[in-house]
Amino acid sequence: MSGLEALQSVQYVTAKGKRFAVVDADSWEAMIEWLEDVEDHDVLKESLADLKQAGGDRANAGWRSCDEVQTELE
């Protein structure tokens, strides 16, 4: 299920004069995954813009080497 499908699956319940949006757990998880993908996309766009501004030089764009990351993970 896509994030959009999950949003479209919402049902509304009114209790004590308040309106609530209700989704099942699978739809909720799909929305969370969709939002995480949107956030990842934004990070990627920003990183690529930094790389372009640095003339394609990863170090000048602030990117770390694979070796640096591997050392950090060990």
N, C-alpha and C. Protein backbone atom coordinates (compact mmCIF):
# COMPACT_ATOMS: atom_id res chain seq x y z
N MET A 1 0.86 -1.18 0.00
CA MET A 1 0.00 0.00 0.00
C MET A 1 0.90 1.23 0.00
N SER A 2 0.59 2.17 -0.86
CA SER A 2 1.36 3.41 -0.92
C SER A 2 0.88 4.37 0.16
N GLY A 3 1.69 5.39 0.41
CA GLY A 3 1.30 6.40 1.39
C GLY A 3 0.00 7.08 1.01
N LEU A 4 -0.17 7.35 -0.28
CA LEU A 4 -1.40 8.00 -0.74
C LEU A 4 -2.61 7.09 -0.52
N GLU A 5 -2.45 5.82 -0.82
CA GLU A 5 -3.55 4.87 -0.58
C GLU A 5 -3.89 4.80 0.90
N ALA A 6 -2.85 4.83 1.74
CA ALA A 6 -3.09 4.80 3.18
C ALA A 6 -3.86 6.04 3.63
N LEU A 7 -3.48 7.19 3.10
CA LEU A 7 -4.19 8.43 3.45
C LEU A 7 -5.64 8.37 2.99
N GLN A 8 -5.86 7.79 1.83
CA GLN A 8 -7.22 7.71 1.30
C GLN A 8 -8.07 6.68 2.03
N SER A 9 -7.43 5.79 2.79
CA SER A 9 -8.18 4.75 3.50
C SER A 9 -8.71 5.22 4.85
N VAL A 10 -8.38 6.44 5.23
CA VAL A 10 -8.80 6.95 6.54
C VAL A 10 -10.33 6.96 6.65
N GLN A 11 -10.80 6.63 7.83
CA GLN A 11 -12.22 6.71 8.12
C GLN A 11 -12.39 7.67 9.29
N TYR A 12 -13.53 8.29 9.37
CA TYR A 12 -13.76 9.29 10.41
C TYR A 12 -14.80 8.80 11.40
N VAL A 13 -14.54 9.09 12.66
CA VAL A 13 -15.45 8.73 13.75
C VAL A 13 -15.67 9.99 14.57
N THR A 14 -16.91 10.21 14.96
CA THR A 14 -17.22 11.34 15.82
C THR A 14 -17.64 10.80 17.18
N ALA A 15 -16.98 11.31 18.21
CA ALA A 15 -17.29 10.91 19.58
C ALA A 15 -17.24 12.14 20.47
N LYS A 16 -18.29 12.34 21.24
CA LYS A 16 -18.39 13.49 22.15
C LYS A 16 -18.12 14.81 21.43
N GLY A 17 -18.63 14.90 20.22
CA GLY A 17 -18.53 16.14 19.46
C GLY A 17 -17.18 16.37 18.78
N LYS A 18 -16.27 15.43 18.90
CA LYS A 18 -14.96 15.57 18.26
C LYS A 18 -14.85 14.56 17.13
N ARG A 19 -14.22 15.00 16.05
CA ARG A 19 -14.04 14.14 14.88
C ARG A 19 -12.62 13.56 14.90
N PHE A 20 -12.52 12.26 14.75
CA PHE A 20 -11.23 11.57 14.78
C PHE A 20 -11.00 10.85 13.46
N ALA A 21 -9.74 10.84 13.01
CA ALA A 21 -9.36 10.07 11.84
C ALA A 21 -8.85 8.72 12.33
N VAL A 22 -9.32 7.66 11.70
CA VAL A 22 -8.96 6.30 12.11
C VAL A 22 -8.39 5.56 10.91
N VAL A 23 -7.23 4.92 11.11
CA VAL A 23 -6.64 4.07 10.08
C VAL A 23 -6.22 2.75 10.72
N ASP A 24 -6.19 1.70 9.93
CA ASP A 24 -5.73 0.43 10.48
C ASP A 24 -4.20 0.45 10.59
N ALA A 25 -3.66 -0.51 11.31
CA ALA A 25 -2.22 -0.53 11.58
C ALA A 25 -1.39 -0.63 10.30
N ASP A 26 -1.83 -1.41 9.32
CA ASP A 26 -1.09 -1.53 8.07
C ASP A 26 -1.03 -0.19 7.34
N SER A 27 -2.14 0.53 7.34
CA SER A 27 -2.16 1.85 6.70
C SER A 27 -1.26 2.83 7.44
N TRP A 28 -1.28 2.77 8.76
CA TRP A 28 -0.43 3.64 9.56
C TRP A 28 1.04 3.39 9.24
N GLU A 29 1.44 2.11 9.19
CA GLU A 29 2.82 1.77 8.88
C GLU A 29 3.20 2.21 7.47
N ALA A 30 2.27 2.11 6.53
CA ALA A 30 2.53 2.56 5.16
C ALA A 30 2.75 4.07 5.13
N MET A 31 1.97 4.81 5.91
CA MET A 31 2.16 6.27 5.96
C MET A 31 3.51 6.63 6.57
N ILE A 32 3.91 5.94 7.63
CA ILE A 32 5.21 6.20 8.25
C ILE A 32 6.33 5.92 7.25
N GLU A 33 6.24 4.80 6.55
CA GLU A 33 7.26 4.46 5.55
C GLU A 33 7.31 5.51 4.44
N TRP A 34 6.14 5.95 4.00
CA TRP A 34 6.07 6.97 2.95
C TRP A 34 6.72 8.28 3.42
N LEU A 35 6.44 8.69 4.66
CA LEU A 35 7.04 9.91 5.19
C LEU A 35 8.56 9.78 5.32
N GLU A 36 9.03 8.61 5.71
CA GLU A 36 10.48 8.37 5.79
C GLU A 36 11.11 8.47 4.40
N ASP A 37 10.42 7.94 3.38
CA ASP A 37 10.92 8.04 2.01
C ASP A 37 10.99 9.49 1.55
N VAL A 38 9.99 10.27 1.89
CA VAL A 38 9.98 11.70 1.54
C VAL A 38 11.16 12.40 2.20
N GLU A 39 11.39 12.10 3.47
CA GLU A 39 12.51 12.70 4.20
C GLU A 39 13.84 12.29 3.56
N ASP A 40 13.99 11.01 3.22
CA ASP A 40 15.22 10.54 2.57
C ASP A 40 15.43 11.25 1.24
N HIS A 41 14.37 11.46 0.50
CA HIS A 41 14.46 12.15 -0.80
C HIS A 41 14.96 13.57 -0.60
N ASP A 42 14.46 14.25 0.43
CA ASP A 42 14.90 15.62 0.71
C ASP A 42 16.38 15.67 1.07
N VAL A 43 16.83 14.71 1.87
CA VAL A 43 18.25 14.64 2.24
C VAL A 43 19.11 14.40 1.00
N LEU A 44 18.66 13.52 0.13
CA LEU A 44 19.39 13.23 -1.10
C LEU A 44 19.48 14.47 -1.99
N LYS A 45 18.37 15.18 -2.16
CA LYS A 45 18.39 16.40 -2.98
C LYS A 45 19.37 17.42 -2.43
N GLU A 46 19.38 17.59 -1.11
CA GLU A 46 20.29 18.55 -0.48
C GLU A 46 21.74 18.11 -0.67
N SER A 47 22.01 16.83 -0.50
CA SER A 47 23.37 16.32 -0.66
C SER A 47 23.86 16.48 -2.10
N LEU A 48 23.00 16.21 -3.05
CA LEU A 48 23.39 16.36 -4.45
C LEU A 48 23.61 17.83 -4.81
N ALA A 49 22.83 18.72 -4.23
CA ALA A 49 23.03 20.16 -4.46
C ALA A 49 24.38 20.59 -3.88
N ASP A 50 24.72 20.08 -2.69
CA ASP A 50 26.03 20.39 -2.09
C ASP A 50 27.16 19.88 -2.98
N LEU A 51 26.99 18.67 -3.51
CA LEU A 51 28.02 18.09 -4.38
C LEU A 51 28.18 18.91 -5.65
N LYS A 52 27.08 19.34 -6.22
CA LYS A 52 27.14 20.16 -7.44
C LYS A 52 27.85 21.48 -7.15
N GLN A 53 27.51 22.10 -6.01
CA GLN A 53 28.13 23.37 -5.64
C GLN A 53 29.63 23.19 -5.39
N ALA A 54 30.05 22.01 -4.96
CA ALA A 54 31.46 21.73 -4.70
C ALA A 54 32.18 21.26 -5.96
N GLY A 55 31.54 21.39 -7.11
CA GLY A 55 32.16 21.02 -8.37
C GLY A 55 32.39 19.53 -8.52
N GLY A 56 31.58 18.74 -7.82
CA GLY A 56 31.70 17.29 -7.92
C GLY A 56 32.71 16.69 -6.96
N ASP A 57 33.37 17.53 -6.17
CA ASP A 57 34.36 17.04 -5.21
C ASP A 57 33.66 16.63 -3.92
N ARG A 58 33.64 15.34 -3.66
CA ARG A 58 32.90 14.82 -2.51
C ARG A 58 33.43 15.35 -1.18
N ALA A 59 34.74 15.44 -1.06
CA ALA A 59 35.33 15.94 0.20
C ALA A 59 34.92 17.39 0.44
N ASN A 60 34.96 18.22 -0.60
CA ASN A 60 34.57 19.62 -0.45
C ASN A 60 33.08 19.78 -0.19
N ALA A 61 32.30 18.78 -0.59
CA ALA A 61 30.86 18.80 -0.33
C ALA A 61 30.53 18.33 1.08
N GLY A 62 31.57 17.87 1.80
CA GLY A 62 31.35 17.41 3.17
C GLY A 62 31.03 15.93 3.28
N TRP A 63 31.18 15.22 2.17
CA TRP A 63 30.92 13.78 2.19
C TRP A 63 32.12 13.07 2.80
N ARG A 64 31.86 12.02 3.55
CA ARG A 64 32.94 11.22 4.13
C ARG A 64 33.25 10.04 3.22
N SER A 65 34.47 9.56 3.30
CA SER A 65 34.85 8.41 2.48
C SER A 65 34.26 7.14 3.08
N CYS A 66 34.19 6.11 2.27
CA CYS A 66 33.69 4.81 2.74
C CYS A 66 34.56 4.29 3.88
N ASP A 67 35.87 4.51 3.79
CA ASP A 67 36.79 4.06 4.84
C ASP A 67 36.48 4.76 6.17
N GLU A 68 36.20 6.06 6.13
CA GLU A 68 35.86 6.79 7.36
C GLU A 68 34.60 6.23 8.00
N VAL A 69 33.61 5.97 7.19
CA VAL A 69 32.34 5.44 7.70
C VAL A 69 32.55 4.04 8.26
N GLN A 70 33.30 3.22 7.55
CA GLN A 70 33.56 1.85 8.00
C GLN A 70 34.28 1.87 9.35
N THR A 71 35.27 2.74 9.51
CA THR A 71 36.00 2.86 10.77
C THR A 71 35.06 3.27 11.89
N GLU A 72 34.16 4.19 11.60
CA GLU A 72 33.20 4.65 12.60
C GLU A 72 32.26 3.53 13.03
N LEU A 73 31.91 2.66 12.11
CA LEU A 73 30.97 1.58 12.41
C LEU A 73 31.61 0.43 13.18
N GLU A 74 32.92 0.32 13.13
CA GLU A 74 33.61 -0.79 13.80
C GLU A 74 33.72 -0.58 15.29
